[in-house]
Amino acid sequence: MADELLITLVEGRPVLWDKTLDIYKDKRLTYEAWREIFTILNKDFDEMTNVKKNEYELQRRGFCSLVGRKPLNAMDEIEDVIIVSLLCEEEERLLQLRKKPRLWIHDIPKSRYEEGEYHVLLPRLKRDSKIFHTYFRMSLHKFNELVQIMQPYIKREDTLFRKAIGVEEKLMVTMRYLATGDSFKTIAESFRLGYTTVQEIIHTTCPALWEVLSKMVMPIPDEEKWKKIEKEFNEKWNYPNCIGALDGKHVEILSPPKSGSLYFNYKKFFSIVLLALVDANYKFIYVNVGDLGKNSDAGIYSRSGLAKRLEKNTLNIPGPKEIPGTKEKLPHVIVGDEAFPLKPYLMRPYPGTQLDDESKKPNAVLSRTIHIMFIL
């Protein structure tokens, strides 16, 4: 671009530099003047791409920035305009060189189909049911059944830009996370997925699993189911009229940022609490998970939905039943340790250590029954 020609063109259009003119602030005339200059400098200006036009836009910005700082009464100042505009152009060019192009996808996830665990390892795991169970902590049959169940809830459609991650791969990522507790970063690298992709998969799949499966595998028992549970407790643990063992379990975690001592428990580590009611075969009937580690079992229980429904008697629990060997009818109960309150529906051991024989015997039976929870 010839500097002399540009100076001459600007000099011939006072609307661009003479602030004494009434038409100086007329945007339409200013636009037309610059368009004429650019067209003279390059006859193909109107057909140029926006990127190319930006080069000329830098010339205009440089001129306008100088005019904004001081008046241009003398034509020799137009040379300053040219210098400023050229400096702006050079600065913009260097800035573009320093900018790194943003990647739509990193090179590592690009190899997902050739190196990712789902595409490489899963087909091999399916050929050995024992190793599959070790890897996922569930059988191949259950995994395939889970894929079919979750299909309507976590499936996403392909778009024009990318292919959606399949249901089976999402479940493999989630099951691996739940089975090992590995970090999102580790799982992302092994599956050749992005970190945020793994994060989103787990944060959306886990709630969907709970929403769907909790109603299937842990429904509220009906009266017949309670009777079956009571029978099993009597046969396996010699405790009649018992319909569940209740206890809390601390699940160790890393202390969340800025949480202070909220998760620090009496056992001197950070945790969240799992409060669970189980049957005679160690199977969950009810769970409440996620309470702060500092909270007591009794406090968590008193705020739980289980306590409220037991108090209101809305859990379909059968009425009082005769104790074997007697004609006395007693209510069905759940059993817990000394942390829980004594209720008509909740039995706990006699407190203290200085107990007589009449108190020690029921305590021994209760302790044996509550032992179910400690096996978990």
Protein backbone atom coordinates (compact mmCIF):
# COMPACT_ATOMS: atom_id res chain seq x y z
CA MET A 1 0.00 0.00 0.00
CA ALA A 2 1.56 3.32 -1.12
CA ASP A 3 1.75 5.76 1.77
CA GLU A 4 1.86 8.81 -0.52
CA LEU A 5 -1.29 7.73 -2.32
CA LEU A 6 -3.13 7.14 0.96
CA ILE A 7 -2.08 10.61 2.23
CA THR A 8 -3.31 12.20 -0.97
CA LEU A 9 -6.64 10.36 -0.82
CA VAL A 10 -7.28 11.36 2.81
CA GLU A 11 -6.18 14.95 2.12
CA GLY A 12 -8.78 15.21 -0.64
CA ARG A 13 -11.61 14.28 1.74
CA PRO A 14 -11.77 16.86 4.56
CA VAL A 15 -14.80 15.12 6.04
CA LEU A 16 -12.34 12.62 7.50
CA TRP A 17 -10.08 15.08 9.32
CA ASP A 18 -11.42 18.69 9.41
CA LYS A 19 -13.40 19.12 12.61
CA THR A 20 -14.46 22.64 11.64
CA LEU A 21 -16.81 21.30 8.97
CA ASP A 22 -20.51 20.78 9.79
CA ILE A 23 -20.43 17.44 7.99
CA TYR A 24 -17.49 16.14 10.05
CA LYS A 25 -19.72 13.91 12.23
CA ASP A 26 -21.90 12.68 9.37
CA LYS A 27 -21.41 8.92 9.59
CA ARG A 28 -22.84 8.21 6.17
CA LEU A 29 -20.47 10.64 4.43
CA THR A 30 -17.53 9.37 6.48
CA TYR A 31 -18.36 5.77 5.55
CA GLU A 32 -18.64 6.65 1.86
CA ALA A 33 -15.33 8.54 1.95
CA TRP A 34 -13.46 5.59 3.43
CA ARG A 35 -15.14 3.20 1.03
CA GLU A 36 -13.99 5.33 -1.92
CA ILE A 37 -10.41 5.34 -0.58
CA PHE A 38 -10.36 1.58 -0.08
CA THR A 39 -11.85 0.98 -3.53
CA ILE A 40 -9.16 3.17 -5.13
CA LEU A 41 -6.45 1.35 -3.21
CA ASN A 42 -7.89 -2.00 -4.28
CA LYS A 43 -10.47 -2.17 -7.04
CA ASP A 44 -11.59 -5.60 -5.81
CA PHE A 45 -12.36 -4.29 -2.32
CA ASP A 46 -16.11 -5.02 -2.52
CA GLU A 47 -15.46 -8.66 -3.46
CA MET A 48 -12.82 -9.21 -0.76
CA THR A 49 -13.36 -11.48 2.24
CA ASN A 50 -13.98 -9.99 5.66
CA VAL A 51 -10.49 -11.04 6.76
CA LYS A 52 -8.91 -9.04 3.96
CA LYS A 53 -11.20 -6.07 4.57
CA ASN A 54 -10.05 -6.02 8.19
CA GLU A 55 -6.60 -5.00 7.00
CA TYR A 56 -8.10 -1.80 5.64
CA GLU A 57 -10.21 -1.40 8.73
CA LEU A 58 -6.99 -1.15 10.74
CA GLN A 59 -5.98 1.86 8.63
CA ARG A 60 -9.28 3.54 9.42
CA ARG A 61 -9.04 2.80 13.16
CA GLY A 62 -5.55 4.25 13.32
CA PHE A 63 -6.74 7.45 11.69
CA CYS A 64 -9.79 7.76 13.94
CA SER A 65 -7.74 7.11 17.11
CA LEU A 66 -5.41 9.99 16.23
CA VAL A 67 -8.26 12.33 15.42
CA GLY A 68 -9.82 11.51 18.79
CA ARG A 69 -6.67 12.58 20.65
CA LYS A 70 -5.90 15.92 18.90
CA PRO A 71 -7.23 18.13 16.06
CA LEU A 72 -5.84 17.73 12.56
CA ASN A 73 -5.58 21.27 11.35
CA ALA A 74 -2.32 20.80 9.51
CA MET A 75 -2.10 18.39 6.61
CA ASP A 76 1.35 17.25 7.70
CA GLU A 77 -0.36 15.49 10.59
CA ILE A 78 -1.90 13.08 8.08
CA GLU A 79 1.54 11.49 7.93
CA ASP A 80 1.16 10.78 11.64
CA VAL A 81 -2.13 9.10 10.83
CA ILE A 82 -0.43 6.80 8.38
CA ILE A 83 2.29 5.91 10.89
CA VAL A 84 -0.28 5.14 13.59
CA SER A 85 -2.36 3.00 11.26
CA LEU A 86 0.68 1.03 10.12
CA LEU A 87 1.71 0.45 13.74
CA CYS A 88 -1.81 -0.79 14.52
CA GLU A 89 -1.64 -3.14 11.57
CA GLU A 90 1.70 -4.55 12.72
CA GLU A 91 0.43 -4.95 16.29
CA GLU A 92 -2.63 -6.82 15.07
CA ARG A 93 -0.46 -9.09 12.92
CA LEU A 94 1.80 -9.97 15.87
CA LEU A 95 -1.23 -10.57 18.07
CA GLN A 96 -2.65 -13.04 15.57
CA LEU A 97 0.67 -14.89 15.50
CA ARG A 98 0.66 -15.21 19.29
CA LYS A 99 -2.87 -16.57 19.40
CA LYS A 100 -3.04 -20.35 19.42
CA PRO A 101 -5.95 -21.82 17.46
CA ARG A 102 -8.59 -23.40 19.66
CA LEU A 103 -9.02 -27.12 19.13
CA TRP A 104 -12.51 -28.55 18.70
CA ILE A 105 -11.18 -31.81 20.11
CA HIS A 106 -7.78 -32.77 21.52
CA ASP A 107 -5.62 -35.37 19.80
CA ILE A 108 -6.04 -37.90 22.64
CA PRO A 109 -9.87 -38.23 22.44
CA LYS A 110 -9.50 -38.55 18.67
CA SER A 111 -8.04 -42.01 19.26
CA ARG A 112 -11.06 -43.14 21.32
CA TYR A 113 -12.21 -45.69 18.74
CA GLU A 114 -8.72 -47.20 18.39
CA GLU A 115 -7.41 -47.03 21.98
CA GLY A 116 -10.29 -46.29 24.38
CA GLU A 117 -11.25 -48.90 26.99
CA TYR A 118 -14.80 -49.18 25.73
CA HIS A 119 -13.82 -49.99 22.15
CA VAL A 120 -10.72 -52.11 22.93
CA LEU A 121 -11.16 -53.69 26.37
CA LEU A 122 -14.92 -54.27 26.67
CA PRO A 123 -15.15 -56.80 23.79
CA ARG A 124 -12.39 -58.83 25.46
CA LEU A 125 -13.99 -58.61 28.90
CA LYS A 126 -17.25 -59.95 27.49
CA ARG A 127 -15.45 -63.14 26.52
CA ASP A 128 -14.54 -63.90 30.17
CA SER A 129 -17.40 -63.52 32.66
CA LYS A 130 -15.14 -63.87 35.71
CA ILE A 131 -12.80 -61.06 34.68
CA PHE A 132 -15.82 -58.99 33.63
CA HIS A 133 -17.27 -59.33 37.13
CA THR A 134 -13.94 -58.35 38.70
CA TYR A 135 -13.71 -55.28 36.49
CA PHE A 136 -17.29 -54.03 36.96
CA ARG A 137 -18.30 -55.80 40.19
CA MET A 138 -21.39 -57.04 38.38
CA SER A 139 -22.14 -59.89 35.99
CA LEU A 140 -22.27 -59.52 32.22
CA HIS A 141 -25.93 -60.55 32.26
CA LYS A 142 -26.80 -57.79 34.75
CA PHE A 143 -24.78 -55.25 32.79
CA ASN A 144 -26.61 -56.05 29.55
CA GLU A 145 -29.91 -55.93 31.40
CA LEU A 146 -28.97 -52.53 32.83
CA VAL A 147 -28.16 -51.22 29.34
CA GLN A 148 -31.64 -52.14 28.15
CA ILE A 149 -33.33 -50.61 31.22
CA MET A 150 -31.46 -47.29 30.98
CA GLN A 151 -31.73 -46.93 27.21
CA PRO A 152 -34.75 -44.55 27.25
CA TYR A 153 -33.31 -42.40 30.05
CA ILE A 154 -29.71 -41.62 29.09
CA LYS A 155 -29.64 -42.12 25.32
CA ARG A 156 -28.79 -39.03 23.25
CA GLU A 157 -29.23 -38.46 19.54
CA ASP A 158 -26.37 -37.88 17.10
CA THR A 159 -25.95 -34.36 15.72
CA LEU A 160 -24.46 -32.96 12.52
CA PHE A 161 -21.30 -32.03 14.43
CA ARG A 162 -20.58 -35.17 16.44
CA LYS A 163 -21.71 -38.68 17.23
CA ALA A 164 -23.35 -39.14 20.62
CA ILE A 165 -21.71 -41.39 23.23
CA GLY A 166 -23.73 -44.60 23.47
CA VAL A 167 -25.65 -45.89 26.48
CA GLU A 168 -23.32 -48.86 26.93
CA GLU A 169 -20.22 -46.65 26.99
CA LYS A 170 -21.84 -44.22 29.46
CA LEU A 171 -22.70 -47.10 31.78
CA MET A 172 -19.20 -48.55 31.46
CA VAL A 173 -17.68 -45.20 32.48
CA THR A 174 -20.11 -44.86 35.40
CA MET A 175 -19.74 -48.44 36.63
CA ARG A 176 -15.96 -48.17 36.49
CA TYR A 177 -16.12 -44.98 38.55
CA LEU A 178 -18.44 -46.55 41.13
CA ALA A 179 -16.45 -49.79 41.30
CA THR A 180 -13.01 -48.20 41.75
CA GLY A 181 -13.48 -44.61 42.91
CA ASP A 182 -10.92 -43.50 40.31
CA SER A 183 -10.67 -39.79 39.56
CA PHE A 184 -12.43 -38.28 36.55
CA LYS A 185 -9.03 -37.49 35.05
CA THR A 186 -7.84 -41.12 35.26
CA ILE A 187 -11.06 -42.43 33.73
CA ALA A 188 -10.96 -39.78 31.00
CA GLU A 189 -7.46 -40.82 30.00
CA SER A 190 -8.20 -44.56 29.96
CA PHE A 191 -11.42 -44.17 27.97
CA ARG A 192 -9.89 -41.48 25.71
CA LEU A 193 -12.65 -39.03 26.62
CA GLY A 194 -12.51 -35.41 27.70
CA TYR A 195 -12.43 -34.61 31.42
CA THR A 196 -15.65 -32.59 31.28
CA THR A 197 -17.28 -35.31 29.19
CA VAL A 198 -16.59 -37.91 31.90
CA GLN A 199 -17.78 -35.46 34.55
CA GLU A 200 -21.06 -34.88 32.72
CA ILE A 201 -21.59 -38.60 32.05
CA ILE A 202 -21.24 -39.53 35.73
CA HIS A 203 -23.20 -36.55 37.05
CA THR A 204 -26.15 -37.32 34.78
CA THR A 205 -26.05 -41.13 34.78
CA CYS A 206 -25.87 -41.64 38.57
CA PRO A 207 -29.09 -39.70 39.33
CA ALA A 208 -30.80 -41.48 36.43
CA LEU A 209 -29.73 -44.87 37.83
CA TRP A 210 -31.10 -43.99 41.26
CA GLU A 211 -34.36 -42.62 39.87
CA VAL A 212 -35.02 -45.71 37.77
CA LEU A 213 -33.55 -48.55 39.81
CA SER A 214 -34.58 -47.52 43.33
CA LYS A 215 -38.22 -48.13 42.44
CA MET A 216 -37.33 -51.53 40.98
CA VAL A 217 -34.84 -53.02 43.47
CA MET A 218 -35.80 -51.20 46.66
CA PRO A 219 -39.56 -50.51 46.58
CA ILE A 220 -41.55 -49.90 49.75
CA PRO A 221 -42.40 -53.42 51.01
CA ASP A 222 -46.03 -54.46 51.17
CA GLU A 223 -47.47 -56.43 54.08
CA GLU A 224 -46.57 -59.82 52.59
CA LYS A 225 -42.97 -58.71 52.03
CA TRP A 226 -42.67 -57.60 55.68
CA LYS A 227 -43.98 -60.98 56.81
CA LYS A 228 -41.39 -62.74 54.68
CA ILE A 229 -38.60 -60.58 56.15
CA GLU A 230 -39.86 -61.31 59.70
CA LYS A 231 -39.85 -65.03 59.00
CA GLU A 232 -36.25 -64.93 57.76
CA PHE A 233 -35.07 -62.99 60.82
CA ASN A 234 -36.70 -65.56 63.07
CA GLU A 235 -35.18 -68.51 61.19
CA LYS A 236 -31.67 -67.12 60.62
CA TRP A 237 -31.13 -64.91 63.67
CA ASN A 238 -33.62 -66.32 66.21
CA TYR A 239 -35.30 -62.95 66.61
CA PRO A 240 -39.10 -63.08 66.11
CA ASN A 241 -41.16 -60.07 65.00
CA CYS A 242 -38.05 -58.33 63.64
CA ILE A 243 -38.44 -56.69 60.23
CA GLY A 244 -35.06 -54.97 59.82
CA ALA A 245 -31.68 -54.01 61.31
CA LEU A 246 -30.84 -50.29 61.37
CA ASP A 247 -27.43 -48.67 61.67
CA GLY A 248 -25.22 -45.92 60.28
CA LYS A 249 -21.91 -46.37 58.48
CA HIS A 250 -19.26 -43.70 57.89
CA VAL A 251 -17.96 -43.67 54.33
CA GLU A 252 -14.52 -42.05 54.25
CA ILE A 253 -14.04 -39.12 51.86
CA LEU A 254 -11.55 -36.35 51.18
CA SER A 255 -12.54 -33.17 52.97
CA PRO A 256 -14.49 -30.94 50.55
CA PRO A 257 -12.99 -27.45 50.05
CA LYS A 258 -13.96 -24.84 52.67
CA SER A 259 -16.07 -27.36 54.62
CA GLY A 260 -14.22 -26.94 57.92
CA SER A 261 -15.15 -29.69 60.38
CA LEU A 262 -18.60 -30.41 58.91
CA TYR A 263 -17.52 -33.82 57.60
CA PHE A 264 -15.13 -34.68 60.46
CA ASN A 265 -16.56 -37.52 62.57
CA TYR A 266 -15.89 -38.88 66.04
CA LYS A 267 -13.65 -41.55 64.54
CA LYS A 268 -11.23 -38.78 63.50
CA PHE A 269 -11.63 -38.86 59.73
CA PHE A 270 -13.78 -37.10 57.12
CA SER A 271 -16.89 -38.94 55.99
CA ILE A 272 -20.46 -38.93 54.81
CA VAL A 273 -22.97 -41.17 56.59
CA LEU A 274 -24.92 -44.06 55.12
CA LEU A 275 -27.98 -44.84 57.25
CA ALA A 276 -29.46 -48.16 56.19
CA LEU A 277 -32.18 -50.63 57.09
CA VAL A 278 -31.41 -54.18 55.93
CA ASP A 279 -33.19 -57.53 55.97
CA ALA A 280 -31.94 -60.87 57.28
CA ASN A 281 -29.98 -61.48 54.05
CA TYR A 282 -28.02 -58.19 54.18
CA LYS A 283 -30.20 -56.63 51.46
CA PHE A 284 -31.14 -52.96 51.69
CA ILE A 285 -34.74 -52.08 52.48
CA TYR A 286 -34.10 -48.36 52.97
CA VAL A 287 -31.06 -46.06 52.62
CA ASN A 288 -30.31 -42.46 53.47
CA VAL A 289 -26.87 -41.42 52.22
CA GLY A 290 -24.97 -38.15 52.16
CA ASP A 291 -25.38 -36.67 55.65
CA LEU A 292 -22.44 -34.83 57.18
CA GLY A 293 -19.90 -36.95 59.06
CA LYS A 294 -20.24 -34.84 62.19
CA ASN A 295 -23.91 -35.78 62.59
CA SER A 296 -24.94 -38.62 64.90
CA ASP A 297 -26.88 -41.68 63.78
CA ALA A 298 -29.81 -40.69 66.00
CA GLY A 299 -29.93 -37.18 64.55
CA ILE A 300 -29.82 -38.44 60.98
CA TYR A 301 -32.52 -41.01 61.73
CA SER A 302 -34.83 -38.47 63.37
CA ARG A 303 -34.73 -36.30 60.20
CA SER A 304 -35.13 -39.22 57.79
CA GLY A 305 -38.21 -40.19 55.85
CA LEU A 306 -38.06 -43.62 57.48
CA ALA A 307 -38.57 -42.19 60.98
CA LYS A 308 -41.48 -40.05 59.86
CA ARG A 309 -43.24 -42.93 58.12
CA LEU A 310 -42.67 -45.30 61.04
CA GLU A 311 -44.11 -42.71 63.40
CA LYS A 312 -47.17 -42.27 61.18
CA ASN A 313 -47.43 -46.04 60.52
CA THR A 314 -47.60 -45.65 56.73
CA LEU A 315 -45.18 -48.45 55.72
CA ASN A 316 -47.71 -51.33 55.43
CA ILE A 317 -46.20 -53.04 58.50
CA PRO A 318 -48.36 -55.96 59.74
CA GLY A 319 -50.14 -55.71 63.08
CA PRO A 320 -48.98 -57.32 66.36
CA LYS A 321 -48.12 -61.01 66.17
CA GLU A 322 -47.78 -63.76 68.76
CA ILE A 323 -44.26 -64.57 69.90
CA PRO A 324 -43.39 -68.27 69.32
CA GLY A 325 -44.07 -70.34 72.46
CA THR A 326 -46.43 -67.73 73.92
CA LYS A 327 -49.89 -66.35 73.29
CA GLU A 328 -48.78 -62.76 73.83
CA LYS A 329 -49.03 -60.51 70.80
CA LEU A 330 -46.22 -57.99 70.29
CA PRO A 331 -45.65 -55.41 67.53
CA HIS A 332 -43.18 -55.88 64.71
CA VAL A 333 -39.98 -53.95 65.31
CA ILE A 334 -36.70 -52.90 63.75
CA VAL A 335 -33.54 -53.19 65.85
CA GLY A 336 -30.73 -50.70 66.34
CA ASP A 337 -27.85 -49.97 68.70
CA GLU A 338 -27.75 -47.62 71.73
CA ALA A 339 -27.56 -44.54 69.46
CA PHE A 340 -31.23 -44.86 68.51
CA PRO A 341 -34.26 -43.98 70.67
CA LEU A 342 -36.48 -46.66 72.18
CA LYS A 343 -39.86 -46.75 70.40
CA PRO A 344 -42.77 -49.22 70.14
CA TYR A 345 -41.44 -50.06 66.65
CA LEU A 346 -37.69 -49.65 67.40
CA MET A 347 -35.80 -51.89 69.83
CA ARG A 348 -32.38 -51.04 71.27
CA PRO A 349 -30.12 -52.80 73.81
CA TYR A 350 -30.20 -51.99 77.50
CA PRO A 351 -27.66 -49.19 78.04
CA GLY A 352 -24.60 -49.45 80.27
CA THR A 353 -22.18 -52.22 81.21
CA GLN A 354 -23.30 -53.16 84.75
CA LEU A 355 -26.25 -55.32 83.69
CA ASP A 356 -27.90 -58.31 85.35
CA ASP A 357 -28.47 -61.61 83.57
CA GLU A 358 -32.04 -60.69 82.58
CA SER A 359 -30.72 -57.68 80.67
CA LYS A 360 -27.65 -59.36 79.19
CA LYS A 361 -29.60 -62.09 77.42
CA PRO A 362 -31.80 -59.81 75.24
CA ASN A 363 -28.76 -57.61 74.63
CA ALA A 364 -26.87 -60.60 73.26
CA VAL A 365 -29.73 -61.46 70.88
CA LEU A 366 -30.03 -57.84 69.77
CA SER A 367 -26.29 -57.50 69.23
CA ARG A 368 -26.20 -60.65 67.10
CA THR A 369 -29.01 -59.28 64.93
CA ILE A 370 -27.48 -55.80 64.62
CA HIS A 371 -24.24 -57.51 63.57
CA ILE A 372 -25.78 -57.76 60.09
CA MET A 373 -25.01 -54.09 59.51
CA PHE A 374 -21.35 -54.42 60.51
CA ILE A 375 -20.78 -57.02 57.80
CA LEU A 376 -21.64 -54.47 55.09
